[in-house]
Amino acid sequence: MPSILVDHQLMVLFLELFTTEELRRFIRDGPMGDEIVAKLPGHTASSEDVSSEAVAVLRRYGLLDEALFNRLLLVRPRRQAGIRAVQQLLVRTATAAKRDHRVPPPSMRESARLAADVLWVNALEDEMRAALAVGKDFGISWEPDKDSWGYPCNRGTFMDGSGRNSTILVSRSSEMGETDTATVATRLISDGAHAGMKPRCIVMSGICAGRRDAVRLGDIVVADRLFKFDNGKIEVLRKVTPDDLTVTEAAVFHDVKTFNLRRRLRREIEAFATLWDGAVSTPRPLSYEHQKHWLLDTLYSYSESRIPVVDLPERRAECPSWSKVIPQLQAAQLITVDSGALALTAEGKSHAAEYRLLHPDGFVRDYNRPSVHIGPIGTNARVQKDPWLFSRLQTLLRTILAIEMEGAAVGTVAEEAEIPAVVAKAVVDYADLEKNDNFRLYSCEASARFLFSLFHSDRVYRAL
């Protein structure tokens, strides 16, 4: 039996039981009463219009339930027969709906709980843990929850840059990659849509691989363009060489589509980045580059005195990854290990001498604070470990700064939902043969802290 018949019968019942003002008082005394009454037509509206809208709003809020009819029986006990008749009609309709095996959308009351101004999506557990920890630093008391599919999430409230309380929902995909991330993002937006609430934005923090000549480890890259670089077509080409050998080659024809950051939002984020203090509580690791330069420069300084570098008091602070740095310098043929002693090769001495020529004022240390860069981020389905990757990608998008595995999915969902997407990730490696996790915790926190700081900027938040 169609629900439209139930709604009509309940509207007629309301008209029989209450005057317009009595109906308003009855609804106001129930669950979410003030909010529902505020959605009803004004006092100049007809009784039929008020009654009809009351039924429609109660249905959207998921409040056409047994509790409603128990309250009707309590306030109008002499009309028990008419009330029971409509209630039985509702039960039969609900029973028929259960035969439909499709999963129904969440009730209005449930989805209202899951709706939020800011949707925050992470792909990895440590990325989400960092976001929740930073949120606490900004005064958010997280409440564990589940979305409409039963997946865990966390919700909280924060004061945005305009001084208003805004809600935030943080969730993560069950696995890294675009498919799971797009599913989570779509579900969170859909949950809010069932409550009639559209989020201001969807954001993503976490880690990425950066272009070595453009960004440093720990730096933050805000995507002004998100794109997939593994879309397109692979065409197998065969050619016969002069010696009658057939060579098979694969030519990749890329199909690049970008999802762009809104221009006004980009300008505001760019202005904010110059003011952000860049404070991160996680101790910043020393990059392998810093440690290698320190070791080569120190060996160059002590080459004549033969003082063992390993015994220097500053060695632990300046080269904590000693056991990993030594093999890398050996592989680059910059040092030798002979009878337990380190020595520069001829190439190593040349390298150290050139470094001193370029930096006459002394050894250059790592930066203590992350810089913020705004530029293109590419998305790919696979973890990359390729020294020539960015060289190839620059033929697609010359200014590309970073790559990761989920950002384009968030851009796609945001474009479909017509809401802004802000993807800010911190550089954890360069996607080359020196990949390591030294900067992982630092980068997870840095990206999350930058995003939360953005929300406290009135100009940025108004641009969302």
Protein backbone atom coordinates (compact mmCIF):
# COMPACT_ATOMS: atom_id res chain seq x y z
CA MET A 1 0.00 0.00 0.00
CA PRO A 2 1.66 3.26 -1.06
CA SER A 3 2.94 5.64 1.61
CA ILE A 4 1.09 8.52 -0.04
CA LEU A 5 -2.19 6.97 1.16
CA VAL A 6 -0.84 6.73 4.72
CA ASP A 7 0.27 10.35 4.63
CA HIS A 8 -3.15 11.46 3.38
CA GLN A 9 -4.99 9.52 6.07
CA LEU A 10 -2.70 10.91 8.78
CA MET A 11 -3.26 14.45 7.48
CA VAL A 12 -7.02 13.93 7.68
CA LEU A 13 -6.60 12.51 11.21
CA PHE A 14 -4.65 15.59 12.31
CA LEU A 15 -7.41 17.84 10.92
CA GLU A 16 -10.02 15.87 12.88
CA LEU A 17 -8.04 15.81 16.15
CA PHE A 18 -6.52 19.30 16.36
CA THR A 19 -6.91 22.90 15.45
CA THR A 20 -3.86 24.41 13.74
CA GLU A 21 -2.45 25.79 17.02
CA GLU A 22 -3.19 22.56 18.90
CA LEU A 23 -1.28 20.62 16.22
CA ARG A 24 1.70 22.96 16.58
CA ARG A 25 1.71 22.46 20.36
CA PHE A 26 1.41 18.68 19.97
CA ILE A 27 4.39 18.53 17.63
CA ARG A 28 6.43 20.94 19.76
CA ASP A 29 6.02 18.63 22.77
CA GLY A 30 7.50 15.69 20.82
CA PRO A 31 11.01 14.78 19.65
CA MET A 32 12.85 17.59 17.82
CA GLY A 33 9.64 19.59 18.29
CA ASP A 34 10.93 23.15 17.96
CA GLU A 35 12.93 22.27 14.86
CA ILE A 36 9.94 20.64 13.15
CA VAL A 37 7.49 23.42 14.05
CA ALA A 38 9.93 25.96 12.61
CA LYS A 39 9.56 24.21 9.25
CA LEU A 40 5.75 24.44 9.19
CA PRO A 41 3.90 27.13 7.20
CA GLY A 42 3.16 30.44 8.93
CA HIS A 43 0.02 31.34 10.84
CA THR A 44 -1.74 32.65 7.73
CA ALA A 45 -1.58 29.19 6.09
CA SER A 46 -4.68 27.01 5.91
CA SER A 47 -5.23 24.09 8.29
CA GLU A 48 -4.87 21.66 5.39
CA ASP A 49 -1.48 23.11 4.41
CA VAL A 50 -0.16 22.99 7.98
CA SER A 51 -1.41 19.45 8.52
CA SER A 52 -0.01 18.21 5.21
CA GLU A 53 3.40 19.77 5.81
CA ALA A 54 3.50 18.41 9.37
CA VAL A 55 3.09 14.87 8.02
CA ALA A 56 5.76 15.43 5.38
CA VAL A 57 8.31 16.80 7.87
CA LEU A 58 7.61 14.05 10.40
CA ARG A 59 8.23 11.47 7.70
CA ARG A 60 11.50 13.09 6.63
CA TYR A 61 12.66 13.06 10.25
CA GLY A 62 11.73 9.39 10.63
CA LEU A 63 9.15 10.17 13.33
CA LEU A 64 6.10 8.40 11.89
CA ASP A 65 6.51 5.67 14.47
CA GLU A 66 4.77 3.92 17.34
CA ALA A 67 5.75 6.69 19.78
CA LEU A 68 3.78 9.22 17.73
CA PHE A 69 0.60 7.16 17.85
CA ASN A 70 1.03 6.48 21.59
CA ARG A 71 1.15 10.24 22.14
CA LEU A 72 -1.96 10.69 19.98
CA LEU A 73 -3.81 8.11 22.09
CA LEU A 74 -2.67 9.88 25.24
CA VAL A 75 -3.96 13.32 24.25
CA ARG A 76 -7.10 12.10 22.39
CA PRO A 77 -8.15 8.84 24.12
CA ARG A 78 -11.74 9.10 22.87
CA ARG A 79 -10.55 8.89 19.26
CA GLN A 80 -8.81 5.56 19.74
CA ALA A 81 -10.56 3.80 16.85
CA GLY A 82 -9.55 6.39 14.24
CA ILE A 83 -5.97 6.60 15.56
CA ARG A 84 -5.56 2.80 15.56
CA ALA A 85 -6.89 2.57 12.00
CA VAL A 86 -4.22 4.93 10.65
CA GLN A 87 -1.57 3.19 12.74
CA GLN A 88 -2.46 -0.21 11.30
CA LEU A 89 -2.34 1.29 7.81
CA LEU A 90 1.19 2.53 8.54
CA VAL A 91 2.27 -0.89 9.84
CA ARG A 92 0.96 -2.66 6.74
CA THR A 93 2.80 -0.21 4.51
CA ALA A 94 6.06 -0.71 6.44
CA THR A 95 5.67 -4.51 6.24
CA ALA A 96 5.24 -4.34 2.48
CA ALA A 97 8.34 -2.15 2.20
CA LYS A 98 10.40 -4.79 4.02
CA ARG A 99 9.76 -7.21 1.19
CA ASP A 100 11.81 -4.91 -1.02
CA HIS A 101 15.39 -6.11 -0.63
CA ARG A 102 16.90 -2.73 -1.51
CA VAL A 103 18.72 -1.04 1.38
CA PRO A 104 16.65 1.98 2.43
CA PRO A 105 18.33 5.32 3.02
CA PRO A 106 18.94 6.32 6.65
CA SER A 107 16.05 7.92 8.48
CA MET A 108 15.96 11.69 8.75
CA ARG A 109 16.83 11.57 12.42
CA GLU A 110 19.81 9.27 11.82
CA SER A 111 21.18 11.16 8.84
CA ALA A 112 20.79 14.50 10.66
CA ARG A 113 23.18 13.10 13.24
CA LEU A 114 25.65 12.14 10.51
CA ALA A 115 25.45 15.41 8.58
CA ALA A 116 28.35 17.84 8.99
CA ASP A 117 29.69 21.15 7.73
CA VAL A 118 33.12 19.64 7.06
CA LEU A 119 33.72 16.09 5.84
CA TRP A 120 37.27 14.89 6.48
CA VAL A 121 38.46 11.75 4.69
CA ASN A 122 41.72 9.87 5.25
CA ALA A 123 43.09 6.83 3.48
CA LEU A 124 45.35 5.45 6.23
CA GLU A 125 44.93 4.75 9.92
CA ASP A 126 47.91 6.87 11.00
CA GLU A 127 46.63 9.78 8.89
CA MET A 128 43.28 9.67 10.70
CA ARG A 129 44.91 9.29 14.13
CA ALA A 130 46.93 12.42 13.43
CA ALA A 131 43.80 14.32 12.38
CA LEU A 132 41.95 13.34 15.56
CA ALA A 133 44.93 14.22 17.77
CA VAL A 134 45.34 17.64 16.14
CA GLY A 135 41.59 18.20 16.43
CA LYS A 136 41.86 17.79 20.21
CA ASP A 137 44.57 20.46 20.24
CA PHE A 138 42.03 22.76 18.59
CA GLY A 139 39.46 22.04 21.31
CA ILE A 140 37.39 19.35 19.60
CA SER A 141 35.91 16.60 21.79
CA TRP A 142 35.50 13.67 19.42
CA GLU A 143 32.52 11.36 19.70
CA PRO A 144 32.94 7.91 18.09
CA ASP A 145 30.09 7.05 15.75
CA LYS A 146 29.15 4.98 12.70
CA ASP A 147 27.96 6.08 9.30
CA SER A 148 24.84 4.77 7.56
CA TRP A 149 26.67 1.61 6.48
CA GLY A 150 27.96 0.93 9.97
CA TYR A 151 31.56 2.00 9.30
CA PRO A 152 33.28 3.84 12.18
CA CYS A 153 33.74 7.59 12.09
CA ASN A 154 34.28 10.44 14.56
CA ARG A 155 32.28 13.63 14.87
CA GLY A 156 32.88 16.85 16.72
CA THR A 157 32.26 20.59 16.83
CA PHE A 158 34.72 23.43 16.44
CA MET A 159 34.53 27.21 16.30
CA ASP A 160 35.26 28.31 12.75
CA GLY A 161 36.94 31.50 11.63
CA SER A 162 33.69 33.45 11.71
CA GLY A 163 33.07 32.56 15.36
CA ARG A 164 30.28 30.07 14.67
CA ASN A 165 30.15 26.45 15.76
CA SER A 166 30.63 24.08 12.84
CA THR A 167 30.35 20.31 12.80
CA ILE A 168 33.04 18.00 11.42
CA LEU A 169 32.94 14.31 10.57
CA VAL A 170 36.22 12.37 10.21
CA SER A 171 36.34 8.97 8.55
CA ARG A 172 38.76 6.80 6.63
CA SER A 173 38.55 4.22 3.88
CA SER A 174 38.92 0.56 4.78
CA GLU A 175 41.81 0.30 2.31
CA MET A 176 44.13 2.76 0.61
CA GLY A 177 43.32 3.66 -2.98
CA GLU A 178 40.72 5.52 -5.00
CA THR A 179 37.85 3.02 -4.95
CA ASP A 180 37.44 2.82 -1.18
CA THR A 181 38.07 6.54 -0.73
CA ALA A 182 35.43 7.49 -3.31
CA THR A 183 32.96 5.13 -1.65
CA VAL A 184 33.49 6.68 1.79
CA ALA A 185 33.28 10.25 0.46
CA THR A 186 30.10 9.52 -1.49
CA ARG A 187 28.48 7.83 1.50
CA LEU A 188 29.24 10.72 3.88
CA ILE A 189 27.84 13.28 1.44
CA SER A 190 24.77 11.11 0.87
CA ASP A 191 24.15 10.75 4.61
CA GLY A 192 24.01 14.52 4.95
CA ALA A 193 21.86 14.90 1.83
CA HIS A 194 19.17 12.71 3.40
CA ALA A 195 19.01 15.27 6.20
CA GLY A 196 18.78 18.11 3.71
CA MET A 197 22.26 19.34 4.64
CA LYS A 198 25.03 20.05 2.17
CA PRO A 199 28.58 20.19 3.58
CA ARG A 200 30.64 23.31 3.09
CA CYS A 201 33.56 21.22 1.87
CA ILE A 202 35.27 17.85 1.84
CA VAL A 203 38.95 17.76 2.81
CA MET A 204 41.75 15.23 2.87
CA SER A 205 45.02 15.24 4.80
CA GLY A 206 47.84 12.72 4.78
CA ILE A 207 51.08 11.93 3.01
CA CYS A 208 52.34 12.16 -0.55
CA ALA A 209 55.51 11.81 -2.58
CA GLY A 210 57.02 15.08 -3.73
CA ARG A 211 59.11 16.25 -6.65
CA ARG A 212 62.67 16.46 -5.34
CA ASP A 213 63.64 19.68 -7.12
CA ALA A 214 60.47 21.52 -6.02
CA VAL A 215 59.60 20.53 -2.42
CA ARG A 216 61.34 19.35 0.73
CA LEU A 217 60.42 16.44 2.99
CA GLY A 218 57.72 17.49 5.43
CA ASP A 219 56.50 20.34 3.21
CA ILE A 220 52.77 20.66 2.60
CA VAL A 221 51.32 20.54 -0.91
CA VAL A 222 47.80 21.90 -1.41
CA ALA A 223 46.31 20.65 -4.66
CA ASP A 224 45.09 23.37 -6.99
CA ARG A 225 44.60 20.63 -9.59
CA LEU A 226 43.97 16.94 -8.97
CA PHE A 227 44.37 14.47 -11.81
CA LYS A 228 44.89 10.79 -12.54
CA PHE A 229 48.03 9.98 -14.47
CA ASP A 230 47.30 6.32 -15.19
CA ASN A 231 44.21 6.99 -17.33
CA GLY A 232 44.36 6.59 -21.06
CA LYS A 233 45.26 3.93 -23.58
CA ILE A 234 48.22 1.61 -24.05
CA GLU A 235 48.92 0.74 -27.66
CA VAL A 236 51.35 -2.08 -28.47
CA LEU A 237 53.64 -1.21 -31.35
CA ARG A 238 55.78 -3.73 -33.24
CA LYS A 239 58.61 -2.90 -35.61
CA VAL A 240 61.17 -4.96 -37.51
CA THR A 241 64.81 -3.95 -37.14
CA PRO A 242 67.48 -4.26 -39.90
CA ASP A 243 68.61 -7.57 -38.44
CA ASP A 244 65.05 -8.93 -38.81
CA LEU A 245 64.32 -8.80 -35.08
CA THR A 246 60.79 -7.84 -34.04
CA VAL A 247 60.75 -5.31 -31.22
CA THR A 248 57.61 -4.83 -29.19
CA GLU A 249 57.00 -1.45 -27.59
CA ALA A 250 54.10 -0.04 -25.61
CA ALA A 251 53.06 3.55 -26.27
CA VAL A 252 50.93 5.21 -23.56
CA PHE A 253 48.41 7.81 -24.67
CA HIS A 254 47.34 9.67 -21.54
CA ASP A 255 43.86 11.02 -20.91
CA VAL A 256 44.22 13.77 -18.31
CA LYS A 257 41.28 15.45 -16.60
CA THR A 258 41.88 17.84 -13.72
CA PHE A 259 39.67 18.75 -10.77
CA ASN A 260 40.51 22.35 -9.89
CA LEU A 261 40.54 24.25 -6.61
CA ARG A 262 38.17 27.22 -6.72
CA ARG A 263 40.05 30.38 -7.67
CA ARG A 264 38.92 32.51 -4.74
CA LEU A 265 39.65 29.67 -2.32
CA ARG A 266 43.09 29.23 -3.84
CA ARG A 267 43.88 32.91 -3.34
CA GLU A 268 42.78 32.82 0.29
CA ILE A 269 44.76 29.65 1.05
CA GLU A 270 47.81 31.14 -0.63
CA ALA A 271 47.53 34.28 1.51
CA PHE A 272 46.95 32.25 4.67
CA ALA A 273 49.98 30.03 4.00
CA THR A 274 52.30 33.03 4.34
CA LEU A 275 50.90 33.70 7.83
CA TRP A 276 50.76 30.12 9.15
CA ASP A 277 53.35 29.52 11.87
CA GLY A 278 54.06 25.96 10.73
CA ALA A 279 54.35 24.64 14.28
CA VAL A 280 54.28 20.82 14.45
CA SER A 281 54.57 18.98 17.77
CA THR A 282 56.05 15.78 16.29
CA PRO A 283 59.86 16.15 16.26
CA ARG A 284 61.04 16.83 12.73
CA PRO A 285 63.41 14.08 11.49
CA LEU A 286 66.63 14.91 9.72
CA SER A 287 66.50 14.12 6.04
CA TYR A 288 69.00 11.71 4.54
CA GLU A 289 70.24 14.62 2.41
CA HIS A 290 71.10 16.60 5.55
CA GLN A 291 72.88 13.63 7.10
CA LYS A 292 74.84 12.84 3.93
CA HIS A 293 76.00 16.43 3.49
CA TRP A 294 77.00 16.64 7.14
CA LEU A 295 78.99 13.41 6.95
CA LEU A 296 80.76 14.33 3.70
CA ASP A 297 81.52 17.84 4.94
CA THR A 298 82.80 16.49 8.26
CA LEU A 299 84.98 13.85 6.58
CA TYR A 300 86.39 16.60 4.38
CA SER A 301 87.18 18.72 7.45
CA TYR A 302 88.89 15.91 9.37
CA SER A 303 90.56 14.16 6.43
CA GLU A 304 94.02 15.32 7.48
CA SER A 305 93.67 14.82 11.25
CA ARG A 306 92.28 11.30 10.87
CA ILE A 307 89.81 11.87 13.75
CA PRO A 308 87.15 9.11 13.65
CA VAL A 309 83.88 10.81 12.68
CA VAL A 310 81.87 8.12 14.43
CA ASP A 311 83.33 9.29 17.78
CA LEU A 312 82.40 12.95 17.35
CA PRO A 313 79.95 14.13 20.04
CA GLU A 314 77.62 15.73 17.47
CA ARG A 315 77.39 12.58 15.34
CA ARG A 316 74.24 11.26 17.05
CA ALA A 317 72.41 14.56 16.57
CA GLU A 318 73.56 15.27 13.02
CA CYS A 319 73.52 11.75 11.58
CA PRO A 320 71.03 9.59 13.54
CA SER A 321 70.53 7.26 10.53
CA TRP A 322 74.26 6.44 10.40
CA SER A 323 73.82 2.77 9.53
CA LYS A 324 71.58 3.64 6.56
CA VAL A 325 73.51 6.66 5.30
CA ILE A 326 76.87 4.85 5.08
CA PRO A 327 75.67 2.21 2.54
CA GLN A 328 74.00 4.92 0.43
CA LEU A 329 77.21 6.95 0.24
CA GLN A 330 79.15 3.80 -0.55
CA ALA A 331 76.74 2.94 -3.36
CA ALA A 332 77.22 6.46 -4.74
CA GLN A 333 81.00 5.86 -4.58
CA LEU A 334 81.53 8.93 -2.42
CA ILE A 335 83.13 7.14 0.55
CA THR A 336 85.01 3.95 1.24
CA VAL A 337 85.15 1.80 4.36
CA ASP A 338 88.62 0.41 4.89
CA SER A 339 89.60 -1.47 8.05
CA GLY A 340 86.67 0.08 9.91
CA ALA A 341 87.60 3.64 8.91
CA LEU A 342 85.70 6.00 6.63
CA ALA A 343 87.44 7.93 3.88
CA LEU A 344 86.32 10.10 0.99
CA THR A 345 86.88 8.85 -2.51
CA ALA A 346 88.25 11.23 -5.12
CA GLU A 347 84.68 11.86 -6.26
CA GLY A 348 83.62 12.34 -2.64
CA LYS A 349 86.32 14.97 -2.09
CA SER A 350 85.25 16.77 -5.24
CA HIS A 351 81.62 16.66 -4.09
CA ALA A 352 82.49 18.03 -0.63
CA ALA A 353 84.71 20.76 -2.08
CA GLU A 354 81.97 21.86 -4.47
CA TYR A 355 79.46 21.92 -1.61
CA ARG A 356 81.73 24.23 0.39
CA LEU A 357 82.18 26.48 -2.61
CA LEU A 358 78.40 26.80 -2.97
CA HIS A 359 77.91 27.31 0.79
CA PRO A 360 80.88 29.38 1.98
CA ASP A 361 79.10 30.46 5.18
CA GLY A 362 78.91 26.93 6.51
CA PHE A 363 76.94 23.72 6.40
CA VAL A 364 73.26 24.26 5.49
CA ARG A 365 70.88 22.63 7.91
CA ASP A 366 67.38 21.28 7.26
CA TYR A 367 64.54 23.75 7.64
CA ASN A 368 62.72 23.52 10.98
CA ARG A 369 59.25 24.41 9.67
CA PRO A 370 57.32 23.03 6.70
CA SER A 371 56.77 25.28 3.72
CA VAL A 372 53.38 25.34 1.95
CA HIS A 373 53.20 24.87 -1.82
CA ILE A 374 50.10 25.12 -4.01
CA GLY A 375 50.16 23.15 -7.23
CA PRO A 376 49.08 20.02 -9.09
CA ILE A 377 48.93 16.62 -7.38
CA GLY A 378 48.71 13.46 -9.46
CA THR A 379 46.86 10.32 -8.39
CA ASN A 380 47.90 6.79 -9.31
CA ALA A 381 46.63 3.36 -8.32
CA ARG A 382 50.06 2.00 -7.32
CA VAL A 383 52.79 2.93 -4.86
CA GLN A 384 55.63 4.44 -6.89
CA LYS A 385 59.37 3.85 -6.54
CA ASP A 386 60.74 5.32 -9.76
CA PRO A 387 63.62 7.84 -9.98
CA TRP A 388 62.40 9.13 -13.38
CA LEU A 389 58.68 9.32 -12.53
CA PHE A 390 58.40 13.10 -12.16
CA SER A 391 60.46 13.71 -15.28
CA ARG A 392 57.86 11.79 -17.27
CA LEU A 393 54.91 13.38 -15.49
CA GLN A 394 56.19 16.87 -16.26
CA THR A 395 55.46 16.15 -19.91
CA LEU A 396 51.79 15.86 -18.87
CA LEU A 397 51.67 18.72 -16.37
CA ARG A 398 54.82 20.79 -16.18
CA THR A 399 54.25 22.18 -12.67
CA ILE A 400 53.31 18.91 -10.93
CA LEU A 401 54.51 18.93 -7.30
CA ALA A 402 53.42 15.61 -5.79
CA ILE A 403 51.72 12.26 -6.32
CA GLU A 404 49.54 10.08 -4.10
CA MET A 405 46.77 7.47 -4.45
CA GLU A 406 43.39 8.98 -3.50
CA GLY A 407 43.13 12.71 -4.17
CA ALA A 408 41.54 12.54 -7.63
CA ALA A 409 38.74 10.37 -6.20
CA VAL A 410 37.91 13.07 -3.67
CA GLY A 411 38.03 15.67 -6.46
CA THR A 412 35.64 13.62 -8.58
CA VAL A 413 33.10 13.16 -5.79
CA ALA A 414 33.30 16.82 -4.77
CA GLU A 415 32.73 17.95 -8.36
CA GLU A 416 29.64 15.73 -8.66
CA ALA A 417 28.31 17.05 -5.31
CA GLU A 418 29.17 20.65 -6.28
CA ILE A 419 31.16 21.33 -3.12
CA PRO A 420 34.79 22.48 -2.70
CA ALA A 421 37.50 19.89 -2.13
CA VAL A 422 40.71 20.78 -0.30
CA VAL A 423 43.44 18.13 -0.48
CA ALA A 424 46.52 19.05 1.57
CA LYS A 425 49.20 16.42 1.95
CA ALA A 426 52.73 16.55 3.33
CA VAL A 427 55.76 15.13 1.54
CA VAL A 428 57.03 11.87 3.04
CA ASP A 429 59.43 10.82 0.26
CA TYR A 430 60.37 11.48 -3.37
CA ALA A 431 58.98 8.25 -4.91
CA ASP A 432 62.53 7.23 -5.81
CA LEU A 433 64.95 4.56 -4.61
CA GLU A 434 65.46 6.34 -1.26
CA LYS A 435 61.88 5.87 -0.06
CA ASN A 436 61.60 5.55 3.74
CA ASP A 437 59.13 6.26 6.53
CA ASN A 438 61.24 8.68 8.59
CA PHE A 439 58.88 11.58 7.90
CA ARG A 440 55.62 9.64 8.08
CA LEU A 441 54.37 10.72 11.53
CA TYR A 442 55.65 14.26 11.07
CA SER A 443 53.96 14.64 7.68
CA CYS A 444 50.65 13.18 8.89
CA GLU A 445 50.50 15.76 11.67
CA ALA A 446 51.75 18.68 9.56
CA SER A 447 49.05 18.25 6.91
CA ALA A 448 46.28 17.85 9.51
CA ARG A 449 47.46 20.86 11.51
CA PHE A 450 47.52 23.04 8.40
CA LEU A 451 43.93 22.10 7.49
CA PHE A 452 42.58 22.74 10.99
CA SER A 453 44.37 26.10 10.99
CA LEU A 454 42.65 26.92 7.68
CA PHE A 455 39.23 26.46 9.25
CA HIS A 456 40.08 29.09 11.86
CA SER A 457 40.73 31.68 9.18
CA ASP A 458 37.59 33.72 8.60
CA ARG A 459 38.57 34.62 5.02
CA VAL A 460 39.33 31.02 4.05
CA TYR A 461 36.23 29.60 5.70
CA ARG A 462 33.98 32.15 4.00
CA ALA A 463 35.54 31.23 0.66
CA LEU A 464 34.45 27.59 1.04
